[in-house]
Protein backbone atom coordinates (compact mmCIF):
# COMPACT_ATOMS: atom_id res chain seq x y z
CA MET A 1 7.33 -24.36 22.13
CA THR A 2 9.70 -27.55 22.73
CA ALA A 3 13.49 -26.58 22.66
CA THR A 4 15.43 -27.36 19.91
CA THR A 5 19.37 -27.64 20.20
CA PRO A 6 21.76 -25.77 18.28
CA THR A 7 23.52 -29.10 17.14
CA GLU A 8 19.87 -29.91 15.87
CA LEU A 9 19.78 -26.85 13.79
CA HIS A 10 23.39 -27.27 12.58
CA THR A 11 22.54 -30.66 11.14
CA LEU A 12 19.21 -29.30 9.54
CA SER A 13 19.56 -29.81 5.82
CA ASN A 14 18.61 -26.87 3.54
CA ALA A 15 19.56 -28.55 0.29
CA HIS A 16 15.93 -28.52 -0.83
CA LEU A 17 16.13 -24.85 -0.84
CA ASP A 18 17.70 -25.01 -4.17
CA ALA A 19 14.79 -26.78 -5.80
CA LEU A 20 12.28 -24.23 -4.28
CA GLU A 21 14.24 -21.37 -5.37
CA GLU A 22 14.68 -22.74 -8.97
CA GLU A 23 10.79 -23.34 -9.38
CA THR A 24 10.16 -19.84 -7.93
CA ILE A 25 12.61 -18.39 -10.57
CA PHE A 26 11.04 -20.38 -13.24
CA ILE A 27 7.56 -19.20 -12.45
CA LEU A 28 8.85 -15.42 -12.23
CA ARG A 29 10.37 -15.81 -15.84
CA GLU A 30 7.17 -17.59 -17.03
CA VAL A 31 5.12 -14.57 -15.85
CA ALA A 32 7.61 -12.21 -17.65
CA ALA A 33 7.28 -14.03 -20.79
CA ALA A 34 3.63 -14.85 -20.76
CA PHE A 35 2.01 -11.52 -19.53
CA GLU A 36 1.83 -8.24 -21.12
CA ARG A 37 1.26 -6.02 -17.81
CA PRO A 38 2.47 -8.04 -14.65
CA THR A 39 3.09 -6.64 -11.28
CA LEU A 40 4.75 -8.09 -8.22
CA LEU A 41 2.81 -7.40 -4.85
CA PHE A 42 5.14 -5.94 -2.31
CA SER A 43 4.48 -5.49 1.17
CA GLY A 44 8.03 -5.32 2.63
CA GLY A 45 6.95 -8.32 4.45
CA LYS A 46 9.26 -11.51 4.53
CA ASP A 47 7.57 -13.35 1.80
CA SER A 48 7.57 -10.68 -0.43
CA LEU A 49 11.20 -9.97 0.43
CA VAL A 50 12.06 -13.75 -0.37
CA MET A 51 10.35 -13.23 -3.80
CA LEU A 52 12.01 -10.22 -4.41
CA LYS A 53 15.56 -11.98 -3.95
CA CYS A 54 14.38 -14.65 -6.22
CA ALA A 55 13.38 -12.20 -8.82
CA GLU A 56 16.98 -10.46 -8.45
CA LYS A 57 18.45 -13.99 -9.30
CA ALA A 58 15.69 -14.49 -12.07
CA PHE A 59 16.50 -11.23 -13.91
CA GLY A 60 19.73 -9.41 -12.21
CA ALA A 61 19.86 -6.35 -9.74
CA GLY A 62 18.00 -3.45 -11.14
CA ARG A 63 16.37 -5.44 -14.03
CA ILE A 64 13.21 -6.79 -12.55
CA PRO A 65 10.80 -6.50 -15.58
CA TYR A 66 7.67 -5.36 -13.62
CA PRO A 67 6.81 -2.83 -11.16
CA LEU A 68 6.13 -3.25 -7.52
CA LEU A 69 2.48 -2.88 -6.16
CA MET A 70 1.57 -2.07 -2.48
CA ILE A 71 -1.98 -1.85 -1.23
CA ASP A 72 -1.83 0.34 1.80
CA THR A 73 -4.58 0.22 4.29
CA GLY A 74 -3.16 3.36 6.13
CA HIS A 75 -2.70 1.23 9.12
CA ASN A 76 0.50 -0.55 8.44
CA PHE A 77 3.52 -0.85 10.80
CA LYS A 78 5.88 2.14 9.98
CA GLU A 79 8.79 0.08 10.43
CA VAL A 80 7.52 -2.18 7.43
CA THR A 81 6.51 0.66 5.16
CA ASP A 82 9.97 2.67 5.66
CA PHE A 83 11.72 -0.60 4.97
CA ARG A 84 9.38 -1.39 1.75
CA ASP A 85 10.35 2.22 0.33
CA ALA A 86 14.32 1.86 1.22
CA ARG A 87 14.26 -1.62 -0.56
CA ALA A 88 12.54 -0.29 -3.64
CA GLN A 89 14.81 2.47 -3.99
CA GLU A 90 17.94 0.33 -3.36
CA LEU A 91 16.80 -2.07 -6.16
CA GLY A 92 15.86 0.93 -8.41
CA ALA A 93 12.47 -0.55 -8.86
CA GLU A 94 9.22 1.29 -9.72
CA LEU A 95 7.04 1.04 -6.58
CA ILE A 96 3.36 1.78 -6.88
CA VAL A 97 1.36 2.49 -3.79
CA ARG A 98 -2.44 2.75 -3.66
CA SER A 99 -4.29 3.48 -0.51
CA VAL A 100 -7.64 2.16 0.97
CA GLU A 101 -7.96 5.83 2.39
CA ASP A 102 -8.21 7.03 -1.36
CA SER A 103 -10.89 4.49 -2.01
CA MET A 104 -12.66 5.76 1.06
CA LYS A 105 -12.54 9.25 -0.30
CA ARG A 106 -14.04 8.06 -3.64
CA GLY A 107 -16.88 6.40 -1.81
CA THR A 108 -15.97 2.76 -2.96
CA VAL A 109 -14.92 1.85 0.49
CA ARG A 110 -17.40 2.54 3.11
CA LEU A 111 -16.60 1.46 6.64
CA ALA A 112 -19.43 0.12 9.05
CA HIS A 113 -17.92 2.03 12.04
CA PRO A 114 -14.61 4.07 12.33
CA GLY A 115 -12.77 1.39 14.24
CA GLU A 116 -13.59 -1.38 11.56
CA SER A 117 -10.49 -3.09 10.28
CA ARG A 118 -9.57 -1.92 6.75
CA ASN A 119 -7.90 -5.13 5.96
CA VAL A 120 -10.77 -6.88 4.34
CA HIS A 121 -11.44 -3.60 1.98
CA GLN A 122 -8.04 -3.67 0.42
CA SER A 123 -9.81 -6.13 -2.30
CA VAL A 124 -11.63 -3.01 -3.45
CA THR A 125 -8.65 -0.96 -3.78
CA LEU A 126 -6.71 -3.85 -5.36
CA LEU A 127 -9.39 -4.25 -8.15
CA GLU A 128 -9.30 -0.43 -8.74
CA ALA A 129 -5.42 -0.65 -9.18
CA ILE A 130 -5.85 -3.46 -11.60
CA GLU A 131 -8.46 -1.59 -13.74
CA GLU A 132 -6.13 1.74 -13.52
CA PHE A 133 -2.96 -0.16 -14.75
CA SER A 134 -4.54 -2.75 -16.89
CA PHE A 135 -2.67 -5.42 -14.85
CA ASP A 136 -3.09 -9.01 -16.28
CA ALA A 137 -0.93 -10.95 -13.76
CA LEU A 138 -0.27 -9.99 -10.10
CA ILE A 139 2.70 -11.97 -8.32
CA GLY A 140 1.92 -12.60 -4.48
CA GLY A 141 3.76 -14.28 -1.85
CA ALA A 142 0.93 -16.51 -0.40
CA ARG A 143 1.86 -20.07 0.61
CA ARG A 144 -0.16 -23.02 0.83
CA ASP A 145 0.80 -23.65 4.27
CA GLU A 146 -0.68 -20.56 5.61
CA GLU A 147 -4.29 -21.22 5.59
CA LYS A 148 -6.85 -23.83 4.20
CA ALA A 149 -8.18 -21.49 1.33
CA ARG A 150 -4.60 -20.94 0.20
CA ALA A 151 -3.90 -24.62 0.38
CA LYS A 152 -6.53 -25.00 -2.42
CA GLU A 153 -5.41 -22.51 -4.76
CA ARG A 154 -3.16 -23.26 -8.03
CA ILE A 155 0.01 -21.43 -8.70
CA PHE A 156 -1.67 -19.58 -11.47
CA SER A 157 -4.82 -18.88 -10.16
CA HIS A 158 -7.38 -17.43 -12.57
CA ARG A 159 -9.66 -14.48 -11.80
CA ASP A 160 -12.86 -13.55 -13.85
CA SER A 161 -13.76 -10.14 -14.96
CA PHE A 162 -14.88 -9.23 -11.56
CA GLY A 163 -11.79 -10.12 -9.93
CA GLN A 164 -13.37 -13.34 -8.25
CA TRP A 165 -11.70 -16.52 -7.74
CA GLN A 166 -14.02 -19.63 -8.59
CA PRO A 167 -12.30 -22.41 -6.21
CA LYS A 168 -14.36 -25.30 -7.98
CA ALA A 169 -13.34 -23.99 -11.35
CA GLN A 170 -9.68 -24.00 -11.38
CA ARG A 171 -7.34 -25.12 -14.21
CA PRO A 172 -5.08 -28.13 -13.90
CA GLU A 173 -1.59 -27.64 -13.70
CA LEU A 174 0.17 -30.84 -14.72
CA TRP A 175 3.80 -31.05 -15.21
CA THR A 176 4.09 -27.42 -14.58
CA LEU A 177 2.44 -26.53 -17.75
CA PHE A 178 0.37 -23.40 -16.91
CA ASN A 179 -2.56 -22.29 -18.85
CA HIS A 180 -2.18 -18.34 -19.41
CA LYS A 181 -5.31 -17.83 -21.56
CA LEU A 182 -7.36 -14.67 -20.68
CA GLN A 183 -10.54 -13.07 -21.71
CA PRO A 184 -10.76 -9.40 -21.87
CA GLY A 185 -10.98 -8.02 -18.24
CA GLU A 186 -9.69 -11.24 -16.69
CA HIS A 187 -6.31 -11.65 -14.93
CA PHE A 188 -4.24 -14.15 -12.91
CA ARG A 189 -2.89 -14.19 -9.39
CA VAL A 190 0.40 -16.14 -9.41
CA PHE A 191 2.12 -17.62 -6.20
CA PRO A 192 5.51 -18.60 -7.02
CA ILE A 193 6.36 -19.61 -3.44
CA SER A 194 3.18 -21.69 -2.93
CA ASN A 195 5.16 -24.81 -2.14
CA TRP A 196 7.22 -23.23 0.42
CA THR A 197 6.39 -23.47 4.28
CA GLU A 198 7.53 -21.06 6.98
CA LEU A 199 10.43 -23.07 7.79
CA ASP A 200 11.63 -22.89 4.13
CA VAL A 201 11.17 -19.29 4.07
CA TRP A 202 13.10 -18.54 7.39
CA GLN A 203 15.90 -21.13 6.27
CA TYR A 204 16.37 -19.28 2.92
CA ILE A 205 16.24 -15.89 4.92
CA ALA A 206 19.31 -17.25 6.87
CA ARG A 207 21.09 -18.72 3.94
CA GLU A 208 20.74 -15.77 1.75
CA ARG A 209 21.11 -13.20 4.67
CA ILE A 210 17.90 -11.18 3.56
CA ALA A 211 17.41 -8.09 5.44
CA LEU A 212 13.99 -7.77 7.12
CA PRO A 213 12.04 -5.21 9.08
CA SER A 214 13.22 -5.05 12.71
CA ILE A 215 9.76 -6.16 14.06
CA TYR A 216 10.35 -9.72 12.78
CA TYR A 217 12.83 -9.91 15.74
CA THR A 218 12.32 -9.92 19.41
CA HIS A 219 11.65 -6.60 20.86
CA LYS A 220 9.87 -5.46 23.75
CA ARG A 221 5.91 -4.19 23.17
CA GLU A 222 2.91 -3.39 25.07
CA VAL A 223 0.36 -6.17 24.59
CA VAL A 224 -2.90 -7.54 25.91
CA ASP A 225 -4.03 -11.15 26.11
CA ARG A 226 -7.47 -11.33 24.02
CA ARG A 227 -8.82 -14.42 22.83
CA GLY A 228 -5.60 -16.38 23.05
CA LEU A 229 -3.75 -13.67 21.05
CA LEU A 230 -1.29 -11.16 22.09
CA VAL A 231 -2.83 -7.77 20.87
CA PRO A 232 -0.27 -4.89 20.51
CA VAL A 233 -1.35 -1.89 22.52
CA THR A 234 -1.57 1.11 19.83
CA ALA A 235 -3.78 4.02 19.17
CA LEU A 236 -5.60 2.00 16.70
CA THR A 237 -5.88 -1.14 19.19
CA PRO A 238 -6.18 0.22 22.63
CA PRO A 239 -6.94 -2.00 25.73
CA LYS A 240 -10.60 -2.86 26.53
CA ASP A 241 -12.03 -2.43 29.72
CA GLY A 242 -10.80 -4.83 32.26
CA GLU A 243 -7.63 -5.93 29.95
CA GLU A 244 -4.37 -6.00 31.62
CA VAL A 245 -1.64 -4.21 29.72
CA VAL A 246 2.02 -6.10 29.95
CA VAL A 247 5.21 -5.73 28.27
CA ARG A 248 6.47 -8.74 26.68
CA ASP A 249 9.41 -10.04 24.48
CA VAL A 250 7.71 -10.51 21.14
CA ARG A 251 8.24 -10.72 17.32
CA PHE A 252 5.99 -10.90 14.41
CA ARG A 253 5.56 -14.01 12.48
CA THR A 254 3.64 -12.27 9.83
CA VAL A 255 2.96 -8.54 9.17
CA GLY A 256 -0.14 -6.87 8.09
CA ASP A 257 -2.70 -4.17 9.05
CA ILE A 258 -2.15 -3.18 12.82
CA THR A 259 -5.75 -3.71 13.60
CA CYS A 260 -5.72 -7.54 12.92
CA THR A 261 -2.03 -8.67 13.32
CA CYS A 262 -0.51 -9.81 16.42
CA PRO A 263 2.91 -10.74 17.76
CA VAL A 264 3.99 -13.83 19.51
CA GLU A 265 6.27 -14.32 22.50
CA SER A 266 9.76 -14.76 21.52
CA THR A 267 13.47 -13.83 22.43
CA ALA A 268 14.65 -14.82 18.91
CA SER A 269 16.87 -12.21 17.35
CA THR A 270 18.46 -13.98 14.48
CA PRO A 271 16.83 -16.02 11.41
CA GLU A 272 18.78 -19.12 12.80
CA GLN A 273 17.09 -18.68 16.17
CA ILE A 274 13.63 -18.24 14.42
CA VAL A 275 14.36 -21.54 12.54
CA ILE A 276 14.68 -23.16 15.80
CA GLU A 277 11.38 -21.85 17.15
CA THR A 278 9.60 -22.50 13.79
CA LEU A 279 10.62 -26.34 14.11
CA ALA A 280 8.70 -26.47 17.12
CA ALA A 281 5.68 -24.46 16.25
CA ASP A 282 2.21 -26.39 16.12
CA VAL A 283 0.08 -23.54 14.96
CA SER A 284 0.38 -21.70 11.55
CA GLU A 285 1.37 -18.11 11.34
CA ARG A 286 -1.71 -16.78 10.55
CA GLY A 287 -3.62 -18.89 12.97
CA ALA A 288 -1.21 -17.72 15.74
CA THR A 289 -1.19 -14.12 14.82
CA ARG A 290 -4.18 -12.97 12.53
CA MET A 291 -7.31 -11.75 14.29
CA ASP A 292 -9.19 -11.52 10.88
CA ASP A 293 -9.02 -15.29 10.30
CA LYS A 294 -10.81 -16.08 13.75
CA THR A 295 -14.04 -15.00 12.48
CA SER A 296 -14.89 -18.31 10.95
CA GLU A 297 -13.49 -21.30 9.19
CA ALA A 298 -14.22 -19.81 5.85
CA SER A 299 -13.07 -16.12 6.45
CA MET A 300 -10.08 -16.28 3.96
CA GLU A 301 -12.09 -18.32 1.29
CA LYS A 302 -14.89 -15.77 1.35
CA ARG A 303 -12.27 -12.79 0.86
CA LYS A 304 -10.43 -14.58 -1.88
CA LYS A 305 -13.69 -15.01 -3.83
CA ASP A 306 -14.20 -11.27 -3.28
CA GLY A 307 -10.81 -10.55 -4.64
CA TYR A 308 -8.53 -10.64 -1.89
CA PHE A 309 -4.89 -11.57 -2.16
């Protein structure tokens, strides 16, 4: 990454964050007004924590009008799940956790082999949770700058009765007028921070002093270099024959299932330092850290059509 001086960071404007925050708060309130059984997808990651901060501003601390929902693969980083639980308790919010492991016990999820990543199978567990609680709107933290398929998606993204997304049949969103009409069994995925970028998120975290799980900041970790990614060495992701295990200063740009999420080299220990790094980054966070997006150009779009976030 190309170095950016502290002086450049000092002169970097964040005035646009007010407009982004205002739009996000408007969308969060629109969901509360338009739907009967909405929920906010909350993983404990930075994007969902930014949304949660906006929800606090929209409704007041302790008054968020919908529950938080987490789909747990069982292979999440403990630092993140512990933070998730603590933050929900601090807010006094209802936290619903549904596990891919429970879907496996029911037989609705079957792994091709024990080492297969469970990440893609979250779609099944999510659709089961939607049916269980009759959710009609799910608020997610996806952003258009993350990945090509997410760049195609509307803020209010319609899902049919099978939970599927049809990218060629999306509803227009002119002048922030949203079509909330649903048929029985259908639902919406709503993305209030669609128009934010990774840089916006980190500037907002810095401005609002939002606490994050520790793995977002620099720490030493054993990794192996695999296909240009730094794969963390864990019981779930052991080194392969011939791979050299090294200890690097790393941080996570995004967090998810251990089996498909990689850190990047970094010594950034504060949001301000991460803003500097993000200014110089030339690869999106998913492109730099997610093994599951490396399988093909259409990986994310296929998963979203099948019900993924």
